[in-house]
Amino acid sequence: MSRLGNLGARLYRGEVGYDFVAKRRIWYGVSILITITAIVGLAVRGLNMGIEFKGGAVFTTPKAEVTVSQAQEVAEEASGHVAIVQELGTGGMRIQVSELDTAQADKVQTRLAEEFGVDREKINAELVGPSWGEQIANKAWTGLGVFMFLVVIYLAIAFEWRMAIAALIALIHDITITVGVYALVGLEVTPGTVIGLLTILGYSLYDTVVVFDSLKESSKDITKQTRWTYSDVANRSINSTLVRSINTTVVALLPVAGLLFIGGGVLGAGMLNDISLSLFVGLAAGAYSSIFIATPLVADFKEREPQMKALKKRVLAKRAAAAAKGETEPGAESDTDFDGDGPADGEAAPATAGAVVGQRGRGRGRPSGKRR
């Protein structure tokens, strides 16, 4: 078995682990800092909206002995606006100029024809009105709102309302960071960007639901035992699905990274950046939020309940008593069966120092030496 596979198996069995939930204030602080940076970037620099949202014209030229800088200079001089020029695989160019009316577009088309040494009809001009982009934006916001509403309803029914709220906060966290990166980088926002933003919501939610499902199963009848607090179980749920989440995220990020860095960066296919950047940032933010934000938030919400507070008090008191007697702490036993199938209270089992240990699920992994 590979090292990563062996680590994943040990994490799943609870033989090793990292206490994500106990350090949740660190993760909250990191997320708040990143989110504030994104909001400041959005407020100061704003989004660079494409012509689909601002209106303008797109000119497609045939192949000619004209450089990109020359074409850009001519377009900007004729229009009085900033021009974005991309070289096409055919040898021609795609010249995009925002906020042009019909008269200005005709002037730019004529000037480009002179520069390229071709007939005016050879320069293809396409006008885009701002109303079209506004319709796309409105539909995107409507779709986002409907998606968020359905997600909250589904999670509240399938799990509980605390998990639904935590997942919603994680989704807003991911969208804010992605939009903030666009503002800071200055890349143009196009309909492809909107599609990318809507796509990442599903990926972000997938990882979160996987952890929630494990947490729901592991926390059944949790108040009937005195070995584990809710935060302990939540932490074990994160660890048991950690390698799976990492593998899923890496596999999803690799092709997107190829589009972003090779297609958009090396090969110069700038239009690929529209969707690939939003996917790349959103997938990374989604993986982070599912591990460091969503589940720790659920633990915070749950441990505000009176019964969970009472459970935590009993668990800590028992651990303190065991530590005073020099015995293994109940929280370090190798079984987490909440239905009473595990070792009796005070019965110790080998544990890895500093690790959260235990088998996942009900009725599994009884210590050797005990048979039913």
Protein backbone atom coordinates (compact mmCIF):
# COMPACT_ATOMS: atom_id res chain seq x y z
CA MET A 1 0.00 0.00 0.00
CA SER A 2 1.29 3.49 -0.82
CA ARG A 3 2.23 5.85 1.98
CA LEU A 4 -0.74 8.10 1.23
CA GLY A 5 -3.10 5.12 1.11
CA ASN A 6 -1.68 3.78 4.38
CA LEU A 7 -2.07 7.22 5.98
CA GLY A 8 -5.66 7.40 4.74
CA ALA A 9 -6.45 4.00 6.25
CA ARG A 10 -4.90 4.99 9.59
CA LEU A 11 -6.80 8.29 9.57
CA TYR A 12 -10.03 6.44 8.83
CA ARG A 13 -9.45 3.98 11.68
CA GLY A 14 -8.54 6.85 14.03
CA GLU A 15 -5.01 5.60 14.72
CA VAL A 16 -3.59 9.02 13.86
CA GLY A 17 -5.13 12.42 13.43
CA TYR A 18 -4.80 16.17 13.63
CA ASP A 19 -7.01 18.22 15.92
CA PHE A 20 -8.58 20.59 13.42
CA VAL A 21 -11.54 21.50 15.61
CA ALA A 22 -9.46 22.48 18.66
CA LYS A 23 -7.55 24.99 16.52
CA ARG A 24 -10.66 26.37 14.88
CA ARG A 25 -10.01 29.92 16.07
CA ILE A 26 -6.82 29.94 14.00
CA TRP A 27 -8.74 28.82 10.89
CA TYR A 28 -11.48 31.39 11.55
CA GLY A 29 -8.83 34.11 11.84
CA VAL A 30 -7.17 33.07 8.57
CA SER A 31 -10.52 33.03 6.77
CA ILE A 32 -11.54 36.40 8.17
CA LEU A 33 -8.22 37.90 7.06
CA ILE A 34 -8.54 36.49 3.53
CA THR A 35 -12.18 37.55 3.30
CA ILE A 36 -11.40 41.10 4.45
CA THR A 37 -8.60 41.30 1.86
CA ALA A 38 -11.03 40.15 -0.83
CA ILE A 39 -13.69 42.66 0.22
CA VAL A 40 -11.15 45.53 0.33
CA GLY A 41 -9.88 44.57 -3.12
CA LEU A 42 -13.44 44.50 -4.39
CA ALA A 43 -14.26 47.87 -2.84
CA VAL A 44 -11.06 49.63 -3.94
CA ARG A 45 -10.37 48.15 -7.36
CA GLY A 46 -13.78 46.82 -8.30
CA LEU A 47 -14.43 44.20 -10.95
CA ASN A 48 -13.20 44.57 -14.52
CA MET A 49 -16.47 43.83 -16.28
CA GLY A 50 -16.33 42.57 -19.88
CA ILE A 51 -18.14 44.05 -22.82
CA GLU A 52 -20.98 41.60 -22.26
CA PHE A 53 -21.80 43.65 -19.15
CA LYS A 54 -20.63 47.14 -20.19
CA GLY A 55 -21.42 46.98 -23.89
CA GLY A 56 -18.92 47.53 -26.71
CA ALA A 57 -17.61 45.96 -29.89
CA VAL A 58 -15.49 42.98 -30.88
CA PHE A 59 -13.45 43.17 -34.09
CA THR A 60 -12.01 40.07 -35.77
CA THR A 61 -9.26 40.70 -38.31
CA PRO A 62 -7.67 38.47 -40.96
CA LYS A 63 -4.03 37.46 -40.87
CA ALA A 64 -1.69 40.36 -41.58
CA GLU A 65 1.80 41.71 -40.86
CA VAL A 66 0.60 43.74 -37.89
CA THR A 67 1.74 43.20 -34.32
CA VAL A 68 -0.52 43.02 -31.29
CA SER A 69 0.83 46.29 -29.90
CA GLN A 70 0.25 48.06 -33.21
CA ALA A 71 -3.34 46.83 -33.41
CA GLN A 72 -3.96 47.88 -29.81
CA GLU A 73 -2.55 51.34 -30.39
CA VAL A 74 -4.70 51.88 -33.49
CA ALA A 75 -7.89 50.68 -31.78
CA GLU A 76 -7.33 52.84 -28.71
CA GLU A 77 -6.48 55.90 -30.79
CA ALA A 78 -9.61 55.52 -32.93
CA SER A 79 -11.99 54.73 -30.08
CA GLY A 80 -10.59 56.65 -27.13
CA HIS A 81 -11.05 53.55 -24.93
CA VAL A 82 -8.82 50.75 -23.72
CA ALA A 83 -8.56 47.89 -26.21
CA ILE A 84 -7.85 44.23 -25.43
CA VAL A 85 -6.12 42.39 -28.27
CA GLN A 86 -5.72 38.62 -28.53
CA GLU A 87 -3.89 36.79 -31.30
CA LEU A 88 -5.94 33.94 -32.78
CA GLY A 89 -4.71 30.57 -33.97
CA THR A 90 -5.55 31.55 -37.56
CA GLY A 91 -3.03 34.39 -37.41
CA GLY A 92 -5.72 37.03 -37.16
CA MET A 93 -6.63 39.06 -34.08
CA ARG A 94 -9.59 39.58 -31.79
CA ILE A 95 -9.83 43.20 -30.67
CA GLN A 96 -12.25 44.06 -27.90
CA VAL A 97 -13.21 47.63 -27.06
CA SER A 98 -15.75 48.49 -24.35
CA GLU A 99 -18.44 51.16 -24.33
CA LEU A 100 -18.65 51.87 -28.07
CA ASP A 101 -21.74 52.97 -29.98
CA THR A 102 -22.40 52.24 -33.65
CA ALA A 103 -20.69 55.38 -34.97
CA GLN A 104 -17.55 54.80 -32.91
CA ALA A 105 -17.46 51.13 -33.93
CA ASP A 106 -17.62 52.12 -37.62
CA LYS A 107 -14.71 54.52 -37.11
CA VAL A 108 -12.59 51.84 -35.42
CA GLN A 109 -13.47 49.31 -38.14
CA THR A 110 -12.37 51.71 -40.87
CA ARG A 111 -9.12 52.58 -39.10
CA LEU A 112 -8.28 48.92 -38.52
CA ALA A 113 -8.92 48.13 -42.21
CA GLU A 114 -6.43 50.81 -43.17
CA GLU A 115 -3.83 49.52 -40.74
CA PHE A 116 -4.24 45.89 -41.83
CA GLY A 117 -4.34 46.83 -45.50
CA VAL A 118 -7.62 45.06 -46.23
CA ASP A 119 -11.12 46.02 -47.29
CA ARG A 120 -13.37 47.29 -44.53
CA GLU A 121 -15.70 44.31 -45.03
CA LYS A 122 -12.83 41.97 -44.10
CA ILE A 123 -12.89 43.35 -40.55
CA ASN A 124 -15.75 41.60 -38.79
CA ALA A 125 -17.41 43.89 -36.23
CA GLU A 126 -19.87 42.71 -33.61
CA LEU A 127 -21.66 45.13 -31.31
CA VAL A 128 -22.76 43.94 -27.87
CA GLY A 129 -25.29 45.91 -25.85
CA PRO A 130 -24.95 46.21 -22.06
CA SER A 131 -28.53 44.99 -21.57
CA TRP A 132 -27.52 41.45 -22.64
CA GLY A 133 -24.87 41.22 -19.94
CA GLU A 134 -27.29 42.69 -17.41
CA GLN A 135 -29.77 39.92 -18.20
CA ILE A 136 -27.04 37.31 -17.71
CA ALA A 137 -26.04 38.86 -14.37
CA ASN A 138 -29.64 38.97 -13.16
CA LYS A 139 -30.21 35.34 -14.12
CA ALA A 140 -26.95 34.35 -12.43
CA TRP A 141 -27.98 36.08 -9.18
CA THR A 142 -31.40 34.43 -9.38
CA GLY A 143 -29.80 31.03 -9.95
CA LEU A 144 -27.41 31.58 -7.06
CA GLY A 145 -30.23 32.57 -4.72
CA VAL A 146 -32.34 29.54 -5.68
CA PHE A 147 -29.32 27.25 -5.27
CA MET A 148 -28.52 28.60 -1.80
CA PHE A 149 -32.15 28.27 -0.70
CA LEU A 150 -32.44 24.67 -1.92
CA VAL A 151 -29.11 23.74 -0.31
CA VAL A 152 -30.21 25.07 3.07
CA ILE A 153 -33.57 23.26 2.84
CA TYR A 154 -31.97 19.97 1.78
CA LEU A 155 -29.26 20.00 4.45
CA ALA A 156 -31.75 20.99 7.14
CA ILE A 157 -33.91 17.98 6.21
CA ALA A 158 -31.13 15.45 5.53
CA PHE A 159 -28.94 16.51 8.47
CA GLU A 160 -29.98 19.43 10.69
CA TRP A 161 -30.30 23.21 10.54
CA ARG A 162 -26.90 23.83 12.17
CA MET A 163 -25.17 21.95 9.37
CA ALA A 164 -27.25 23.86 6.82
CA ILE A 165 -26.15 27.21 8.27
CA ALA A 166 -22.50 26.10 8.43
CA ALA A 167 -22.59 24.95 4.80
CA LEU A 168 -24.18 28.25 3.72
CA ILE A 169 -21.45 30.24 5.50
CA ALA A 170 -18.80 28.10 3.80
CA LEU A 171 -20.35 28.70 0.37
CA ILE A 172 -20.49 32.48 0.91
CA HIS A 173 -16.87 32.29 2.10
CA ASP A 174 -15.82 30.54 -1.15
CA ILE A 175 -17.69 32.94 -3.45
CA THR A 176 -16.35 36.02 -1.64
CA ILE A 177 -12.75 34.85 -1.92
CA THR A 178 -13.12 33.96 -5.62
CA VAL A 179 -14.71 37.29 -6.52
CA GLY A 180 -12.09 39.11 -4.46
CA VAL A 181 -9.27 37.39 -6.35
CA TYR A 182 -10.80 38.61 -9.63
CA ALA A 183 -10.84 42.15 -8.27
CA LEU A 184 -7.22 41.97 -7.05
CA VAL A 185 -5.87 40.32 -10.22
CA GLY A 186 -7.89 42.56 -12.53
CA LEU A 187 -8.98 39.82 -14.94
CA GLU A 188 -12.05 40.54 -16.99
CA VAL A 189 -15.37 39.21 -15.75
CA THR A 190 -17.29 37.48 -18.55
CA PRO A 191 -20.22 35.06 -18.75
CA GLY A 192 -17.59 32.30 -18.51
CA THR A 193 -16.60 33.68 -15.12
CA VAL A 194 -20.19 33.53 -13.94
CA ILE A 195 -20.46 29.91 -15.12
CA GLY A 196 -17.27 29.09 -13.23
CA LEU A 197 -18.61 30.68 -10.03
CA LEU A 198 -21.81 28.66 -10.20
CA THR A 199 -19.86 25.47 -10.93
CA ILE A 200 -17.60 25.70 -7.87
CA LEU A 201 -20.60 25.72 -5.54
CA GLY A 202 -21.26 22.08 -6.28
CA TYR A 203 -17.65 21.05 -5.65
CA SER A 204 -17.51 22.99 -2.40
CA LEU A 205 -20.76 21.50 -1.18
CA TYR A 206 -19.70 17.94 -2.09
CA ASP A 207 -16.71 17.85 0.27
CA THR A 208 -18.74 19.45 3.04
CA VAL A 209 -21.58 16.92 2.75
CA VAL A 210 -19.11 14.00 2.84
CA VAL A 211 -17.80 15.18 6.22
CA PHE A 212 -21.31 15.95 7.49
CA ASP A 213 -22.48 12.46 6.58
CA SER A 214 -19.62 10.90 8.55
CA LEU A 215 -20.34 13.22 11.48
CA LYS A 216 -24.03 12.38 11.48
CA GLU A 217 -23.30 8.65 11.59
CA SER A 218 -20.59 8.91 14.25
CA SER A 219 -22.56 11.17 16.60
CA LYS A 220 -25.60 8.94 17.00
CA ASP A 221 -26.38 8.36 20.69
CA ILE A 222 -23.36 10.45 21.63
CA THR A 223 -24.95 11.57 24.90
CA LYS A 224 -25.11 7.95 26.13
CA GLN A 225 -21.34 7.72 26.58
CA THR A 226 -18.68 9.66 28.47
CA ARG A 227 -15.58 9.15 26.35
CA TRP A 228 -16.02 11.75 23.60
CA THR A 229 -17.26 15.29 23.27
CA TYR A 230 -19.05 16.43 20.12
CA SER A 231 -15.89 18.27 19.04
CA ASP A 232 -13.91 15.02 19.38
CA VAL A 233 -16.33 13.22 17.07
CA ALA A 234 -16.40 16.11 14.62
CA ASN A 235 -12.61 16.10 14.49
CA ARG A 236 -12.54 12.37 13.83
CA SER A 237 -15.06 12.82 10.99
CA ILE A 238 -12.73 15.35 9.35
CA ASN A 239 -9.71 13.08 9.74
CA SER A 240 -11.51 9.99 8.45
CA THR A 241 -12.42 11.78 5.19
CA LEU A 242 -9.29 13.94 4.92
CA VAL A 243 -7.37 11.90 2.33
CA ARG A 244 -10.53 11.45 0.27
CA SER A 245 -11.09 15.22 0.24
CA ILE A 246 -7.47 15.87 -0.72
CA ASN A 247 -7.57 13.31 -3.54
CA THR A 248 -10.84 14.68 -4.90
CA THR A 249 -9.54 18.26 -4.83
CA VAL A 250 -6.19 17.43 -6.46
CA VAL A 251 -7.83 15.43 -9.25
CA ALA A 252 -10.25 18.32 -9.90
CA LEU A 253 -7.53 21.00 -9.74
CA LEU A 254 -5.07 19.35 -12.15
CA PRO A 255 -7.07 19.82 -15.39
CA VAL A 256 -8.18 23.28 -14.28
CA ALA A 257 -4.55 24.21 -13.59
CA GLY A 258 -3.68 22.99 -17.08
CA LEU A 259 -6.29 25.33 -18.57
CA LEU A 260 -5.18 28.26 -16.43
CA PHE A 261 -1.38 28.04 -16.53
CA ILE A 262 -0.73 26.25 -19.80
CA GLY A 263 -3.72 27.15 -21.95
CA GLY A 264 -4.10 30.70 -20.67
CA GLY A 265 -0.52 31.47 -19.65
CA VAL A 266 1.87 29.58 -21.94
CA LEU A 267 -0.26 29.23 -25.08
CA GLY A 268 -1.86 32.63 -24.72
CA ALA A 269 -5.47 31.47 -24.97
CA GLY A 270 -6.64 34.28 -22.73
CA MET A 271 -10.32 33.42 -23.00
CA LEU A 272 -9.64 30.22 -21.03
CA ASN A 273 -8.72 32.36 -18.03
CA ASP A 274 -12.33 33.55 -17.78
CA ILE A 275 -13.58 30.25 -16.42
CA SER A 276 -10.38 28.51 -15.30
CA LEU A 277 -9.35 31.12 -12.70
CA SER A 278 -12.75 31.07 -11.01
CA LEU A 279 -12.71 27.27 -10.98
CA PHE A 280 -9.15 27.06 -9.65
CA VAL A 281 -9.63 29.55 -6.81
CA GLY A 282 -13.11 28.27 -6.00
CA LEU A 283 -12.06 24.61 -5.82
CA ALA A 284 -9.14 25.42 -3.54
CA ALA A 285 -11.31 27.64 -1.32
CA GLY A 286 -14.03 24.97 -1.23
CA ALA A 287 -11.60 22.27 -0.07
CA TYR A 288 -10.31 24.62 2.63
CA SER A 289 -13.75 25.64 3.87
CA SER A 290 -15.08 22.07 4.07
CA ILE A 291 -12.24 21.07 6.41
CA PHE A 292 -11.41 24.23 8.33
CA ILE A 293 -14.70 26.16 8.39
CA ALA A 294 -17.89 24.14 7.93
CA THR A 295 -17.36 21.26 10.38
CA PRO A 296 -15.72 23.37 13.13
CA LEU A 297 -18.71 25.73 12.87
CA VAL A 298 -21.09 22.81 13.37
CA ALA A 299 -19.11 21.78 16.46
CA ASP A 300 -19.36 25.35 17.78
CA PHE A 301 -23.11 25.44 17.20
CA LYS A 302 -23.76 22.02 18.72
CA GLU A 303 -21.72 22.56 21.86
CA ARG A 304 -23.88 25.53 22.73
CA GLU A 305 -26.73 23.09 23.39
CA PRO A 306 -27.34 22.30 27.10
CA GLN A 307 -27.06 18.53 26.57
CA MET A 308 -23.76 18.89 24.72
CA LYS A 309 -22.45 21.22 27.41
CA ALA A 310 -23.39 18.63 30.02
CA LEU A 311 -21.73 15.86 27.99
CA LYS A 312 -18.53 17.86 27.65
CA LYS A 313 -18.51 18.50 31.39
CA ARG A 314 -18.89 14.77 32.14
CA VAL A 315 -16.20 13.79 29.64
CA LEU A 316 -13.68 16.31 30.94
CA ALA A 317 -14.40 15.34 34.55
CA LYS A 318 -13.86 11.68 33.75
CA ARG A 319 -10.62 12.40 31.92
CA ALA A 320 -9.37 14.51 34.82
CA ALA A 321 -10.17 11.73 37.28
CA ALA A 322 -8.42 9.15 35.09
CA ALA A 323 -5.38 11.41 34.71
CA ALA A 324 -5.21 11.88 38.50
CA LYS A 325 -5.09 8.09 38.94
CA GLY A 326 -2.43 7.75 36.25
CA GLU A 327 -4.75 5.79 33.98
CA THR A 328 -5.30 6.16 30.26
CA GLU A 329 -7.74 8.97 29.59
CA PRO A 330 -11.15 7.73 28.42
CA GLY A 331 -10.85 10.06 25.40
CA ALA A 332 -7.83 8.08 24.21
CA GLU A 333 -9.51 4.68 24.10
CA SER A 334 -9.63 2.84 20.82
CA ASP A 335 -13.38 2.49 20.55
CA THR A 336 -16.11 5.05 19.94
CA ASP A 337 -19.20 2.88 19.99
CA PHE A 338 -21.95 5.01 21.47
CA ASP A 339 -24.31 2.09 21.91
CA GLY A 340 -22.34 0.42 24.71
CA ASP A 341 -20.64 -2.28 22.61
CA GLY A 342 -17.13 -0.97 23.35
CA PRO A 343 -15.00 -1.54 26.45
CA ALA A 344 -16.46 -0.67 29.80
CA ASP A 345 -15.77 2.69 31.34
CA GLY A 346 -12.27 2.83 32.78
CA GLU A 347 -11.07 -0.08 30.59
CA ALA A 348 -8.06 1.19 28.71
CA ALA A 349 -6.66 0.25 25.31
CA PRO A 350 -3.38 1.12 23.57
CA ALA A 351 -3.34 4.60 22.07
CA THR A 352 -1.02 6.60 19.88
CA ALA A 353 0.27 9.61 21.81
CA GLY A 354 -1.19 12.89 20.66
CA ALA A 355 -3.58 11.19 18.24
CA VAL A 356 -7.32 11.05 18.19
CA VAL A 357 -7.90 7.31 18.04
CA GLY A 358 -10.88 5.07 17.55
CA GLN A 359 -12.86 3.10 15.04
CA ARG A 360 -15.58 4.80 13.01
CA GLY A 361 -19.13 3.58 13.18
CA ARG A 362 -21.11 1.43 15.55
CA GLY A 363 -20.05 -1.91 16.91
CA ARG A 364 -16.62 -2.05 15.20
CA GLY A 365 -13.04 -2.39 16.27
CA ARG A 366 -13.38 -3.93 19.72
CA PRO A 367 -10.03 -4.20 21.51
CA SER A 368 -8.33 -7.57 21.42
CA GLY A 369 -9.01 -9.69 24.43
CA LYS A 370 -12.71 -8.89 24.55
CA ARG A 371 -15.18 -11.10 22.72
CA ARG A 372 -18.93 -11.19 22.61
